[in-house]
């Protein structure tokens, strides 16, 4: 049984996972209301909130699973990438619990958590696939050969897709977090009204770029009327989705993949899910999108990865440092 903690940014999350039963409990304390007045995450506010809620959240998770801390076999935490002050809270608590109970500690890569989250609760383990990880901080395409065996195909050269959603939402006067707000407003909009650029869609590689799209929206702002909001959101969202879907299915074709997976916070976007399902059906490719509750930051995905590493005999030293700028070099 693994107890995992995720505090890479502004969500405090704790989960319990066992090889036999999967996710036993998964608790998340959101900080959205704390950061909304600032229009984005304030690191100091985030770390202080983690400190306040982490202990009661651990207790709540144990209680929800009906187990004692003595029943836990190992403790895990996100070690990077993320905000340093936030990562320190989760990793320090997990290390303290490991020392106090004499159990092993596992430092887990946040991106790998997202990468494998579509396989939580599924049979057959981690399957060979092409994976799109798309969130506020990351947009990348990865060939997954097996758990722990990955090859990076491409990544964003500037803004992540989720970052572009949040920045455009802020330009349009929508509340934080912007991604879900754009998705909501876009439901009543005309996604063909504004012809925004699809940067690098036909670049011949698997890299992404969203800064130009964000700039195109900025230049359009002075010409907009209040009644244009839904159309702008729908058109912007469609441009992002076209690039994400187009690059992902191209990667599947080039690599002969018969399974695509999508994960990360933007995987919860309704238009992305719809468009990805359609293109996979057209091309005879299976699709797995992370379950809604595992799209955003959560500890279940960290525990899931930790369980796999534990089974392969991989544990971490207690003096292992957090890595706020953890590189993607491990994705080869």
C-alpha atoms as a PDB file:
ATOM      1  CA  UNK A   1       0.000   0.000   0.000  1.00  0.00           C
ATOM      2  CA  UNK A   2       1.384   3.389  -1.081  1.00  0.00           C
ATOM      3  CA  UNK A   3       0.459   6.755   0.425  1.00  0.00           C
ATOM      4  CA  UNK A   4       1.270   9.545  -2.039  1.00  0.00           C
ATOM      5  CA  UNK A   5       1.295  13.324  -1.729  1.00  0.00           C
ATOM      6  CA  UNK A   6       1.041  15.827  -4.604  1.00  0.00           C
ATOM      7  CA  UNK A   7       1.852  19.509  -3.961  1.00  0.00           C
ATOM      8  CA  UNK A   8       3.577  20.607  -7.159  1.00  0.00           C
ATOM      9  CA  UNK A   9       1.497  23.763  -7.586  1.00  0.00           C
ATOM     10  CA  UNK A  10      -1.800  24.883  -6.042  1.00  0.00           C
ATOM     11  CA  UNK A  11      -3.625  21.647  -5.273  1.00  0.00           C
ATOM     12  CA  UNK A  12      -2.960  19.742  -2.054  1.00  0.00           C
ATOM     13  CA  UNK A  13      -3.667  16.070  -2.738  1.00  0.00           C
ATOM     14  CA  UNK A  14      -3.218  12.786  -0.901  1.00  0.00           C
ATOM     15  CA  UNK A  15      -4.058   9.280  -2.104  1.00  0.00           C
ATOM     16  CA  UNK A  16      -3.755   5.649  -1.029  1.00  0.00           C
ATOM     17  CA  UNK A  17      -3.109   2.957  -3.638  1.00  0.00           C
ATOM     18  CA  UNK A  18      -2.684  -0.793  -3.465  1.00  0.00           C
ATOM     19  CA  UNK A  19      -1.666  -3.281  -6.127  1.00  0.00           C
ATOM     20  CA  UNK A  20      -4.728  -5.432  -5.418  1.00  0.00           C
ATOM     21  CA  UNK A  21      -7.438  -2.774  -5.260  1.00  0.00           C
ATOM     22  CA  UNK A  22      -6.019   0.264  -7.069  1.00  0.00           C
ATOM     23  CA  UNK A  23      -7.039   3.663  -5.668  1.00  0.00           C
ATOM     24  CA  UNK A  24      -8.356   3.194  -2.129  1.00  0.00           C
ATOM     25  CA  UNK A  25      -8.880   6.891  -1.435  1.00  0.00           C
ATOM     26  CA  UNK A  26      -8.036  10.160  -3.179  1.00  0.00           C
ATOM     27  CA  UNK A  27      -8.529  13.526  -1.490  1.00  0.00           C
ATOM     28  CA  UNK A  28      -7.882  16.979  -2.970  1.00  0.00           C
ATOM     29  CA  UNK A  29      -7.980  20.420  -1.353  1.00  0.00           C
ATOM     30  CA  UNK A  30      -8.384  23.113  -4.039  1.00  0.00           C
ATOM     31  CA  UNK A  31      -6.896  26.606  -3.784  1.00  0.00           C
ATOM     32  CA  UNK A  32      -8.863  28.161  -6.648  1.00  0.00           C
ATOM     33  CA  UNK A  33     -10.696  30.669  -4.455  1.00  0.00           C
ATOM     34  CA  UNK A  34      -7.429  31.734  -2.806  1.00  0.00           C
ATOM     35  CA  UNK A  35      -5.732  32.575  -6.105  1.00  0.00           C
ATOM     36  CA  UNK A  36      -8.715  33.886  -8.086  1.00  0.00           C
ATOM     37  CA  UNK A  37      -8.319  37.512  -6.846  1.00  0.00           C
ATOM     38  CA  UNK A  38      -4.782  37.514  -8.293  1.00  0.00           C
ATOM     39  CA  UNK A  39      -5.700  35.941 -11.629  1.00  0.00           C
ATOM     40  CA  UNK A  40      -3.101  33.214 -11.190  1.00  0.00           C
ATOM     41  CA  UNK A  41      -1.136  31.138  -8.697  1.00  0.00           C
ATOM     42  CA  UNK A  42       0.839  33.053  -6.051  1.00  0.00           C
ATOM     43  CA  UNK A  43       3.635  30.714  -4.834  1.00  0.00           C
ATOM     44  CA  UNK A  44       3.725  32.018  -1.250  1.00  0.00           C
ATOM     45  CA  UNK A  45      -0.048  31.697  -0.890  1.00  0.00           C
ATOM     46  CA  UNK A  46       0.098  28.200  -2.351  1.00  0.00           C
ATOM     47  CA  UNK A  47       2.807  26.915  -0.009  1.00  0.00           C
ATOM     48  CA  UNK A  48       1.137  28.375   3.098  1.00  0.00           C
ATOM     49  CA  UNK A  49      -2.131  26.707   2.166  1.00  0.00           C
ATOM     50  CA  UNK A  50      -0.362  23.361   1.662  1.00  0.00           C
ATOM     51  CA  UNK A  51       1.100  23.659   5.160  1.00  0.00           C
ATOM     52  CA  UNK A  52      -2.308  24.354   6.669  1.00  0.00           C
ATOM     53  CA  UNK A  53      -4.224  21.496   5.075  1.00  0.00           C
ATOM     54  CA  UNK A  54      -1.698  18.694   4.511  1.00  0.00           C
ATOM     55  CA  UNK A  55      -1.953  17.011   7.930  1.00  0.00           C
ATOM     56  CA  UNK A  56      -5.774  16.943   8.098  1.00  0.00           C
ATOM     57  CA  UNK A  57      -5.854  15.782   4.467  1.00  0.00           C
ATOM     58  CA  UNK A  58      -3.561  12.839   5.238  1.00  0.00           C
ATOM     59  CA  UNK A  59      -5.810  11.909   8.163  1.00  0.00           C
ATOM     60  CA  UNK A  60      -8.936  12.235   5.992  1.00  0.00           C
ATOM     61  CA  UNK A  61      -7.424   9.993   3.316  1.00  0.00           C
ATOM     62  CA  UNK A  62      -6.535   7.277   5.822  1.00  0.00           C
ATOM     63  CA  UNK A  63     -10.002   7.502   7.328  1.00  0.00           C
ATOM     64  CA  UNK A  64     -11.683   7.305   3.917  1.00  0.00           C
ATOM     65  CA  UNK A  65      -9.736   4.130   3.133  1.00  0.00           C
ATOM     66  CA  UNK A  66     -10.361   2.682   6.581  1.00  0.00           C
ATOM     67  CA  UNK A  67      -6.687   2.037   7.278  1.00  0.00           C
ATOM     68  CA  UNK A  68      -4.027   3.128   9.735  1.00  0.00           C
ATOM     69  CA  UNK A  69      -0.742   4.839   8.936  1.00  0.00           C
ATOM     70  CA  UNK A  70       0.877   1.620  10.185  1.00  0.00           C
ATOM     71  CA  UNK A  71      -0.691  -0.247   7.256  1.00  0.00           C
ATOM     72  CA  UNK A  72       1.187   1.831   4.683  1.00  0.00           C
ATOM     73  CA  UNK A  73       4.185   0.079   3.070  1.00  0.00           C
ATOM     74  CA  UNK A  74       5.810   3.107   1.422  1.00  0.00           C
ATOM     75  CA  UNK A  75       5.391   6.879   1.072  1.00  0.00           C
ATOM     76  CA  UNK A  76       5.686   8.861  -2.140  1.00  0.00           C
ATOM     77  CA  UNK A  77       5.607  12.505  -3.183  1.00  0.00           C
ATOM     78  CA  UNK A  78       6.007  14.613  -6.281  1.00  0.00           C
ATOM     79  CA  UNK A  79       9.619  15.796  -6.485  1.00  0.00           C
ATOM     80  CA  UNK A  80       9.252  17.940  -9.618  1.00  0.00           C
ATOM     81  CA  UNK A  81       8.669  19.787 -11.773  1.00  0.00           C
ATOM     82  CA  UNK A  82       6.692  22.468  -9.970  1.00  0.00           C
ATOM     83  CA  UNK A  83       6.925  25.406  -7.574  1.00  0.00           C
ATOM     84  CA  UNK A  84       9.839  24.917  -5.175  1.00  0.00           C
ATOM     85  CA  UNK A  85       7.994  26.171  -2.102  1.00  0.00           C
ATOM     86  CA  UNK A  86       5.056  23.885  -2.850  1.00  0.00           C
ATOM     87  CA  UNK A  87       7.136  20.800  -3.673  1.00  0.00           C
ATOM     88  CA  UNK A  88       9.020  21.178  -0.393  1.00  0.00           C
ATOM     89  CA  UNK A  89       5.847  20.770   1.639  1.00  0.00           C
ATOM     90  CA  UNK A  90       4.717  17.488   0.104  1.00  0.00           C
ATOM     91  CA  UNK A  91       8.159  15.899  -0.140  1.00  0.00           C
ATOM     92  CA  UNK A  92       9.070  16.891   3.433  1.00  0.00           C
ATOM     93  CA  UNK A  93       5.864  15.416   4.842  1.00  0.00           C
ATOM     94  CA  UNK A  94       6.292  12.176   2.871  1.00  0.00           C
ATOM     95  CA  UNK A  95       9.923  11.872   3.964  1.00  0.00           C
ATOM     96  CA  UNK A  96       8.958  12.548   7.581  1.00  0.00           C
ATOM     97  CA  UNK A  97       6.313   9.834   7.475  1.00  0.00           C
ATOM     98  CA  UNK A  98       8.809   7.440   5.901  1.00  0.00           C
ATOM     99  CA  UNK A  99      11.426   8.148   8.581  1.00  0.00           C
ATOM    100  CA  UNK A 100       8.891   7.969  11.422  1.00  0.00           C
ATOM    101  CA  UNK A 101       7.532   4.610  10.266  1.00  0.00           C
ATOM    102  CA  UNK A 102      10.788   3.129   8.997  1.00  0.00           C
ATOM    103  CA  UNK A 103       9.285   2.664   5.516  1.00  0.00           C
ATOM    104  CA  UNK A 104      10.703   3.487   2.057  1.00  0.00           C
ATOM    105  CA  UNK A 105      10.294   6.817   0.254  1.00  0.00           C
ATOM    106  CA  UNK A 106       9.695   7.294  -3.481  1.00  0.00           C
ATOM    107  CA  UNK A 107      10.270  10.574  -5.343  1.00  0.00           C
ATOM    108  CA  UNK A 108       7.932  10.755  -8.341  1.00  0.00           C
ATOM    109  CA  UNK A 109       8.010  12.816 -11.533  1.00  0.00           C
ATOM    110  CA  UNK A 110       4.819  14.863 -11.868  1.00  0.00           C
ATOM    111  CA  UNK A 111       4.769  14.513 -15.652  1.00  0.00           C
ATOM    112  CA  UNK A 112       5.048  10.741 -15.454  1.00  0.00           C
ATOM    113  CA  UNK A 113       2.044  10.828 -13.150  1.00  0.00           C
ATOM    114  CA  UNK A 114      -0.013  12.537 -15.846  1.00  0.00           C
ATOM    115  CA  UNK A 115       1.490  10.331 -18.548  1.00  0.00           C
ATOM    116  CA  UNK A 116       0.275   7.100 -16.963  1.00  0.00           C
ATOM    117  CA  UNK A 117      -2.985   8.415 -15.469  1.00  0.00           C
ATOM    118  CA  UNK A 118      -5.156   7.049 -18.333  1.00  0.00           C
ATOM    119  CA  UNK A 119      -4.208   3.559 -17.153  1.00  0.00           C
ATOM    120  CA  UNK A 120      -5.431   4.002 -13.561  1.00  0.00           C
ATOM    121  CA  UNK A 121      -8.109   1.421 -12.837  1.00  0.00           C
ATOM    122  CA  UNK A 122      -7.676  -0.396 -16.142  1.00  0.00           C
ATOM    123  CA  UNK A 123      -6.665  -4.004 -16.737  1.00  0.00           C
ATOM    124  CA  UNK A 124      -3.507  -5.017 -18.557  1.00  0.00           C
ATOM    125  CA  UNK A 125      -1.190  -2.459 -17.015  1.00  0.00           C
ATOM    126  CA  UNK A 126       0.529   0.262 -19.030  1.00  0.00           C
ATOM    127  CA  UNK A 127       0.131  -0.470 -22.745  1.00  0.00           C
ATOM    128  CA  UNK A 128       2.227   0.719 -25.717  1.00  0.00           C
ATOM    129  CA  UNK A 129       0.700   3.978 -26.940  1.00  0.00           C
ATOM    130  CA  UNK A 130       1.189   7.514 -28.151  1.00  0.00           C
ATOM    131  CA  UNK A 131       0.424   9.885 -25.294  1.00  0.00           C
ATOM    132  CA  UNK A 132      -0.548  13.552 -25.362  1.00  0.00           C
ATOM    133  CA  UNK A 133       0.142  15.247 -22.027  1.00  0.00           C
ATOM    134  CA  UNK A 134      -1.516  18.654 -22.082  1.00  0.00           C
ATOM    135  CA  UNK A 135      -1.852  20.926 -19.059  1.00  0.00           C
ATOM    136  CA  UNK A 136      -1.184  24.420 -17.777  1.00  0.00           C
ATOM    137  CA  UNK A 137       2.540  23.799 -17.608  1.00  0.00           C
ATOM    138  CA  UNK A 138       3.176  21.088 -20.188  1.00  0.00           C
ATOM    139  CA  UNK A 139       2.287  20.109 -23.726  1.00  0.00           C
ATOM    140  CA  UNK A 140       4.160  17.125 -25.080  1.00  0.00           C
ATOM    141  CA  UNK A 141       3.812  13.990 -27.170  1.00  0.00           C
ATOM    142  CA  UNK A 142       5.399  10.821 -25.882  1.00  0.00           C
ATOM    143  CA  UNK A 143       5.763   7.294 -27.181  1.00  0.00           C
ATOM    144  CA  UNK A 144       5.010   4.979 -24.262  1.00  0.00           C
ATOM    145  CA  UNK A 145       6.553   1.544 -24.695  1.00  0.00           C
ATOM    146  CA  UNK A 146       5.966   0.342 -21.135  1.00  0.00           C
ATOM    147  CA  UNK A 147       6.002   1.775 -17.609  1.00  0.00           C
ATOM    148  CA  UNK A 148       9.346   3.522 -17.257  1.00  0.00           C
ATOM    149  CA  UNK A 149      10.176   3.207 -20.969  1.00  0.00           C
ATOM    150  CA  UNK A 150       9.333   6.390 -22.875  1.00  0.00           C
ATOM    151  CA  UNK A 151      10.484   8.389 -25.909  1.00  0.00           C
ATOM    152  CA  UNK A 152       9.811  12.099 -26.210  1.00  0.00           C
ATOM    153  CA  UNK A 153       8.438  12.956 -29.667  1.00  0.00           C
ATOM    154  CA  UNK A 154       7.748  16.667 -29.262  1.00  0.00           C
ATOM    155  CA  UNK A 155       6.886  19.473 -26.874  1.00  0.00           C
ATOM    156  CA  UNK A 156       5.766  23.084 -26.901  1.00  0.00           C
ATOM    157  CA  UNK A 157       8.406  25.612 -27.876  1.00  0.00           C
ATOM    158  CA  UNK A 158       6.747  28.389 -25.861  1.00  0.00           C
ATOM    159  CA  UNK A 159       3.393  28.434 -24.037  1.00  0.00           C
ATOM    160  CA  UNK A 160       1.744  25.204 -22.951  1.00  0.00           C
ATOM    161  CA  UNK A 161      -1.809  24.803 -24.243  1.00  0.00           C
ATOM    162  CA  UNK A 162      -3.315  25.235 -20.769  1.00  0.00           C
ATOM    163  CA  UNK A 163      -1.198  28.333 -20.204  1.00  0.00           C
ATOM    164  CA  UNK A 164      -2.547  29.798 -23.462  1.00  0.00           C
ATOM    165  CA  UNK A 165      -6.114  29.059 -22.314  1.00  0.00           C
ATOM    166  CA  UNK A 166      -5.549  30.851 -19.012  1.00  0.00           C
ATOM    167  CA  UNK A 167      -3.832  33.878 -20.570  1.00  0.00           C
ATOM    168  CA  UNK A 168      -6.482  34.330 -23.254  1.00  0.00           C
ATOM    169  CA  UNK A 169      -9.231  33.971 -20.645  1.00  0.00           C
ATOM    170  CA  UNK A 170      -7.590  36.726 -18.606  1.00  0.00           C
ATOM    171  CA  UNK A 171      -7.480  38.969 -21.715  1.00  0.00           C
ATOM    172  CA  UNK A 172     -11.190  38.354 -22.204  1.00  0.00           C
ATOM    173  CA  UNK A 173     -12.026  39.192 -18.600  1.00  0.00           C
ATOM    174  CA  UNK A 174     -12.962  35.657 -17.599  1.00  0.00           C
ATOM    175  CA  UNK A 175     -12.268  34.453 -14.037  1.00  0.00           C
ATOM    176  CA  UNK A 176      -9.389  32.189 -13.020  1.00  0.00           C
ATOM    177  CA  UNK A 177      -8.875  29.361 -13.849  1.00  0.00           C
ATOM    178  CA  UNK A 178      -9.443  30.339 -17.456  1.00  0.00           C
ATOM    179  CA  UNK A 179      -9.435  26.982 -19.242  1.00  0.00           C
ATOM    180  CA  UNK A 180     -12.751  25.683 -17.868  1.00  0.00           C
ATOM    181  CA  UNK A 181     -14.297  29.138 -18.329  1.00  0.00           C
ATOM    182  CA  UNK A 182     -13.406  29.256 -22.033  1.00  0.00           C
ATOM    183  CA  UNK A 183     -14.786  25.731 -22.457  1.00  0.00           C
ATOM    184  CA  UNK A 184     -18.022  26.794 -20.759  1.00  0.00           C
ATOM    185  CA  UNK A 185     -18.504  30.011 -22.726  1.00  0.00           C
ATOM    186  CA  UNK A 186     -17.556  28.326 -26.014  1.00  0.00           C
ATOM    187  CA  UNK A 187     -20.549  25.994 -25.769  1.00  0.00           C
ATOM    188  CA  UNK A 188     -22.802  28.678 -27.290  1.00  0.00           C
ATOM    189  CA  UNK A 189     -20.226  30.110 -29.715  1.00  0.00           C
ATOM    190  CA  UNK A 190     -19.455  29.702 -33.421  1.00  0.00           C
ATOM    191  CA  UNK A 191     -16.072  27.989 -33.620  1.00  0.00           C
ATOM    192  CA  UNK A 192     -15.672  29.048 -37.280  1.00  0.00           C
ATOM    193  CA  UNK A 193     -16.363  32.757 -36.715  1.00  0.00           C
ATOM    194  CA  UNK A 194     -12.719  33.832 -36.288  1.00  0.00           C
ATOM    195  CA  UNK A 195      -9.912  32.266 -38.325  1.00  0.00           C
ATOM    196  CA  UNK A 196      -7.108  31.995 -35.772  1.00  0.00           C
ATOM    197  CA  UNK A 197      -3.702  30.521 -36.756  1.00  0.00           C
ATOM    198  CA  UNK A 198      -2.918  26.824 -36.315  1.00  0.00           C
ATOM    199  CA  UNK A 199       0.781  27.275 -35.570  1.00  0.00           C
ATOM    200  CA  UNK A 200       3.104  24.438 -36.639  1.00  0.00           C
ATOM    201  CA  UNK A 201       0.196  22.189 -37.587  1.00  0.00           C
ATOM    202  CA  UNK A 202       1.979  21.318 -40.848  1.00  0.00           C
ATOM    203  CA  UNK A 203       5.562  21.696 -39.625  1.00  0.00           C
ATOM    204  CA  UNK A 204       6.355  18.042 -40.291  1.00  0.00           C
ATOM    205  CA  UNK A 205       7.414  17.392 -36.698  1.00  0.00           C
ATOM    206  CA  UNK A 206       5.696  16.995 -33.330  1.00  0.00           C
ATOM    207  CA  UNK A 207       6.572  20.335 -31.765  1.00  0.00           C
ATOM    208  CA  UNK A 208       3.909  22.808 -30.630  1.00  0.00           C
ATOM    209  CA  UNK A 209       3.631  26.594 -30.406  1.00  0.00           C
ATOM    210  CA  UNK A 210       0.744  28.577 -28.939  1.00  0.00           C
ATOM    211  CA  UNK A 211       2.236  32.048 -28.366  1.00  0.00           C
ATOM    212  CA  UNK A 212       1.248  33.223 -31.861  1.00  0.00           C
ATOM    213  CA  UNK A 213      -2.346  32.178 -31.299  1.00  0.00           C
ATOM    214  CA  UNK A 214      -2.409  34.088 -28.031  1.00  0.00           C
ATOM    215  CA  UNK A 215      -1.033  37.176 -29.829  1.00  0.00           C
ATOM    216  CA  UNK A 216      -3.686  36.879 -32.548  1.00  0.00           C
ATOM    217  CA  UNK A 217      -6.402  37.065 -29.902  1.00  0.00           C
ATOM    218  CA  UNK A 218      -4.740  40.109 -28.332  1.00  0.00           C
ATOM    219  CA  UNK A 219      -4.709  41.984 -31.665  1.00  0.00           C
ATOM    220  CA  UNK A 220      -8.390  41.178 -32.160  1.00  0.00           C
ATOM    221  CA  UNK A 221      -9.493  42.542 -28.776  1.00  0.00           C
ATOM    222  CA  UNK A 222      -9.971  46.232 -29.789  1.00  0.00           C
ATOM    223  CA  UNK A 223     -12.359  45.169 -32.562  1.00  0.00           C
ATOM    224  CA  UNK A 224     -14.581  42.967 -30.410  1.00  0.00           C
ATOM    225  CA  UNK A 225     -18.071  43.644 -29.127  1.00  0.00           C
ATOM    226  CA  UNK A 226     -19.422  42.101 -25.887  1.00  0.00           C
ATOM    227  CA  UNK A 227     -21.635  39.849 -28.004  1.00  0.00           C
ATOM    228  CA  UNK A 228     -18.532  38.324 -29.653  1.00  0.00           C
ATOM    229  CA  UNK A 229     -17.261  36.644 -26.471  1.00  0.00           C
ATOM    230  CA  UNK A 230     -18.712  33.179 -27.077  1.00  0.00           C
ATOM    231  CA  UNK A 231     -17.520  33.136 -30.709  1.00  0.00           C
ATOM    232  CA  UNK A 232     -13.999  34.209 -29.727  1.00  0.00           C
ATOM    233  CA  UNK A 233     -13.807  31.498 -27.064  1.00  0.00           C
ATOM    234  CA  UNK A 234     -15.130  28.831 -29.435  1.00  0.00           C
ATOM    235  CA  UNK A 235     -12.812  29.888 -32.280  1.00  0.00           C
ATOM    236  CA  UNK A 236      -9.753  30.082 -30.026  1.00  0.00           C
ATOM    237  CA  UNK A 237     -10.539  26.707 -28.473  1.00  0.00           C
ATOM    238  CA  UNK A 238     -11.003  25.150 -31.910  1.00  0.00           C
ATOM    239  CA  UNK A 239      -7.587  26.397 -33.038  1.00  0.00           C
ATOM    240  CA  UNK A 240      -5.899  24.813 -30.015  1.00  0.00           C
ATOM    241  CA  UNK A 241      -7.814  21.562 -30.423  1.00  0.00           C
ATOM    242  CA  UNK A 242      -7.057  21.338 -34.159  1.00  0.00           C
ATOM    243  CA  UNK A 243      -3.320  21.474 -33.446  1.00  0.00           C
ATOM    244  CA  UNK A 244      -3.423  19.032 -30.535  1.00  0.00           C
ATOM    245  CA  UNK A 245      -5.548  16.492 -32.420  1.00  0.00           C
ATOM    246  CA  UNK A 246      -3.702  16.895 -35.712  1.00  0.00           C
ATOM    247  CA  UNK A 247      -0.249  16.417 -34.203  1.00  0.00           C
ATOM    248  CA  UNK A 248      -1.348  13.490 -32.032  1.00  0.00           C
ATOM    249  CA  UNK A 249      -2.971  11.470 -34.803  1.00  0.00           C
ATOM    250  CA  UNK A 250       0.022  12.197 -37.065  1.00  0.00           C
ATOM    251  CA  UNK A 251       2.317  10.793 -34.370  1.00  0.00           C
ATOM    252  CA  UNK A 252       0.142   7.690 -34.150  1.00  0.00           C
ATOM    253  CA  UNK A 253       0.302   7.148 -37.904  1.00  0.00           C
ATOM    254  CA  UNK A 254       4.063   7.660 -38.109  1.00  0.00           C
ATOM    255  CA  UNK A 255       4.753   5.282 -35.225  1.00  0.00           C
ATOM    256  CA  UNK A 256       2.153   2.658 -36.123  1.00  0.00           C
ATOM    257  CA  UNK A 257       0.345   3.054 -32.807  1.00  0.00           C
ATOM    258  CA  UNK A 258      -3.093   1.560 -32.280  1.00  0.00           C
ATOM    259  CA  UNK A 259      -3.710   3.305 -28.942  1.00  0.00           C
ATOM    260  CA  UNK A 260      -3.737   7.009 -28.073  1.00  0.00           C
ATOM    261  CA  UNK A 261      -3.935   8.411 -24.551  1.00  0.00           C
ATOM    262  CA  UNK A 262      -4.648  11.963 -23.403  1.00  0.00           C
ATOM    263  CA  UNK A 263      -3.946  13.328 -19.929  1.00  0.00           C
ATOM    264  CA  UNK A 264      -3.370  16.531 -17.973  1.00  0.00           C
ATOM    265  CA  UNK A 265      -5.728  19.308 -16.994  1.00  0.00           C
ATOM    266  CA  UNK A 266      -6.651  20.239 -20.581  1.00  0.00           C
ATOM    267  CA  UNK A 267      -7.722  16.620 -21.158  1.00  0.00           C
ATOM    268  CA  UNK A 268     -10.904  17.636 -19.356  1.00  0.00           C
ATOM    269  CA  UNK A 269     -11.795  20.068 -22.151  1.00  0.00           C
ATOM    270  CA  UNK A 270     -15.064  18.912 -23.738  1.00  0.00           C
ATOM    271  CA  UNK A 271     -14.167  19.915 -27.305  1.00  0.00           C
ATOM    272  CA  UNK A 272     -10.779  18.190 -27.149  1.00  0.00           C
ATOM    273  CA  UNK A 273     -12.384  14.980 -25.911  1.00  0.00           C
ATOM    274  CA  UNK A 274     -15.022  15.146 -28.648  1.00  0.00           C
ATOM    275  CA  UNK A 275     -12.564  15.872 -31.470  1.00  0.00           C
ATOM    276  CA  UNK A 276     -10.038  13.276 -30.310  1.00  0.00           C
ATOM    277  CA  UNK A 277     -12.730  10.601 -30.122  1.00  0.00           C
ATOM    278  CA  UNK A 278     -13.877  11.450 -33.654  1.00  0.00           C
ATOM    279  CA  UNK A 279     -10.424  11.336 -35.238  1.00  0.00           C
ATOM    280  CA  UNK A 280      -9.568   8.072 -33.489  1.00  0.00           C
ATOM    281  CA  UNK A 281     -12.799   6.494 -34.706  1.00  0.00           C
ATOM    282  CA  UNK A 282     -12.032   7.659 -38.275  1.00  0.00           C
ATOM    283  CA  UNK A 283      -8.550   6.131 -38.141  1.00  0.00           C
ATOM    284  CA  UNK A 284      -9.368   2.916 -36.291  1.00  0.00           C
ATOM    285  CA  UNK A 285      -7.236   3.857 -33.281  1.00  0.00           C
ATOM    286  CA  UNK A 286      -8.246   3.097 -29.696  1.00  0.00           C
ATOM    287  CA  UNK A 287      -8.455   6.041 -27.303  1.00  0.00           C
ATOM    288  CA  UNK A 288      -8.020   6.378 -23.561  1.00  0.00           C
ATOM    289  CA  UNK A 289      -8.509   9.762 -21.942  1.00  0.00           C
ATOM    290  CA  UNK A 290      -7.777  10.130 -18.240  1.00  0.00           C
ATOM    291  CA  UNK A 291     -10.918   9.963 -16.114  1.00  0.00           C
ATOM    292  CA  UNK A 292     -12.101  13.466 -15.228  1.00  0.00           C
ATOM    293  CA  UNK A 293     -11.017  13.325 -11.584  1.00  0.00           C
ATOM    294  CA  UNK A 294      -7.496  12.310 -12.675  1.00  0.00           C
ATOM    295  CA  UNK A 295      -7.038  15.002 -15.351  1.00  0.00           C
ATOM    296  CA  UNK A 296      -6.015  17.818 -13.029  1.00  0.00           C
ATOM    297  CA  UNK A 297      -3.283  17.527 -10.417  1.00  0.00           C
ATOM    298  CA  UNK A 298      -4.024  14.658  -8.043  1.00  0.00           C
ATOM    299  CA  UNK A 299      -2.161  12.240  -5.806  1.00  0.00           C
ATOM    300  CA  UNK A 300      -3.762   9.094  -7.242  1.00  0.00           C
ATOM    301  CA  UNK A 301      -1.612   9.400 -10.356  1.00  0.00           C
ATOM    302  CA  UNK A 302       1.500   9.856  -8.186  1.00  0.00           C
ATOM    303  CA  UNK A 303       0.594   6.772  -6.148  1.00  0.00           C
ATOM    304  CA  UNK A 304      -0.072   4.823  -9.351  1.00  0.00           C
ATOM    305  CA  UNK A 305       3.423   5.560 -10.675  1.00  0.00           C
ATOM    306  CA  UNK A 306       4.939   4.898  -7.249  1.00  0.00           C
ATOM    307  CA  UNK A 307       3.278   1.471  -7.100  1.00  0.00           C
ATOM    308  CA  UNK A 308       4.856   0.542 -10.424  1.00  0.00           C
ATOM    309  CA  UNK A 309       8.282   1.724  -9.310  1.00  0.00           C
ATOM    310  CA  UNK A 310       7.910  -0.109  -5.980  1.00  0.00           C
ATOM    311  CA  UNK A 311       7.117  -3.342  -7.819  1.00  0.00           C
ATOM    312  CA  UNK A 312      10.290  -2.887  -9.920  1.00  0.00           C
ATOM    313  CA  UNK A 313      12.348  -2.443  -6.759  1.00  0.00           C
ATOM    314  CA  UNK A 314      12.971   1.262  -7.285  1.00  0.00           C
ATOM    315  CA  UNK A 315      13.011   3.466  -4.175  1.00  0.00           C
ATOM    316  CA  UNK A 316      14.555   6.873  -3.461  1.00  0.00           C
ATOM    317  CA  UNK A 317      17.112   8.108  -0.982  1.00  0.00           C
ATOM    318  CA  UNK A 318      15.784  10.305   1.792  1.00  0.00           C
ATOM    319  CA  UNK A 319      18.322  12.988   0.876  1.00  0.00           C
ATOM    320  CA  UNK A 320      17.006  13.249  -2.684  1.00  0.00           C
ATOM    321  CA  UNK A 321      16.270  16.900  -3.399  1.00  0.00           C
ATOM    322  CA  UNK A 322      13.175  18.350  -5.035  1.00  0.00           C
ATOM    323  CA  UNK A 323      13.666  19.382  -8.674  1.00  0.00           C
ATOM    324  CA  UNK A 324      11.469  22.404  -9.527  1.00  0.00           C
ATOM    325  CA  UNK A 325      12.867  22.512 -13.064  1.00  0.00           C
ATOM    326  CA  UNK A 326      13.023  18.777 -13.551  1.00  0.00           C
ATOM    327  CA  UNK A 327      14.017  18.279 -17.153  1.00  0.00           C
ATOM    328  CA  UNK A 328      12.406  15.869 -19.567  1.00  0.00           C
ATOM    329  CA  UNK A 329      15.720  14.152 -20.339  1.00  0.00           C
ATOM    330  CA  UNK A 330      14.341  10.974 -18.767  1.00  0.00           C
ATOM    331  CA  UNK A 331      11.930  10.865 -21.727  1.00  0.00           C
ATOM    332  CA  UNK A 332      14.182   9.492 -24.443  1.00  0.00           C
END
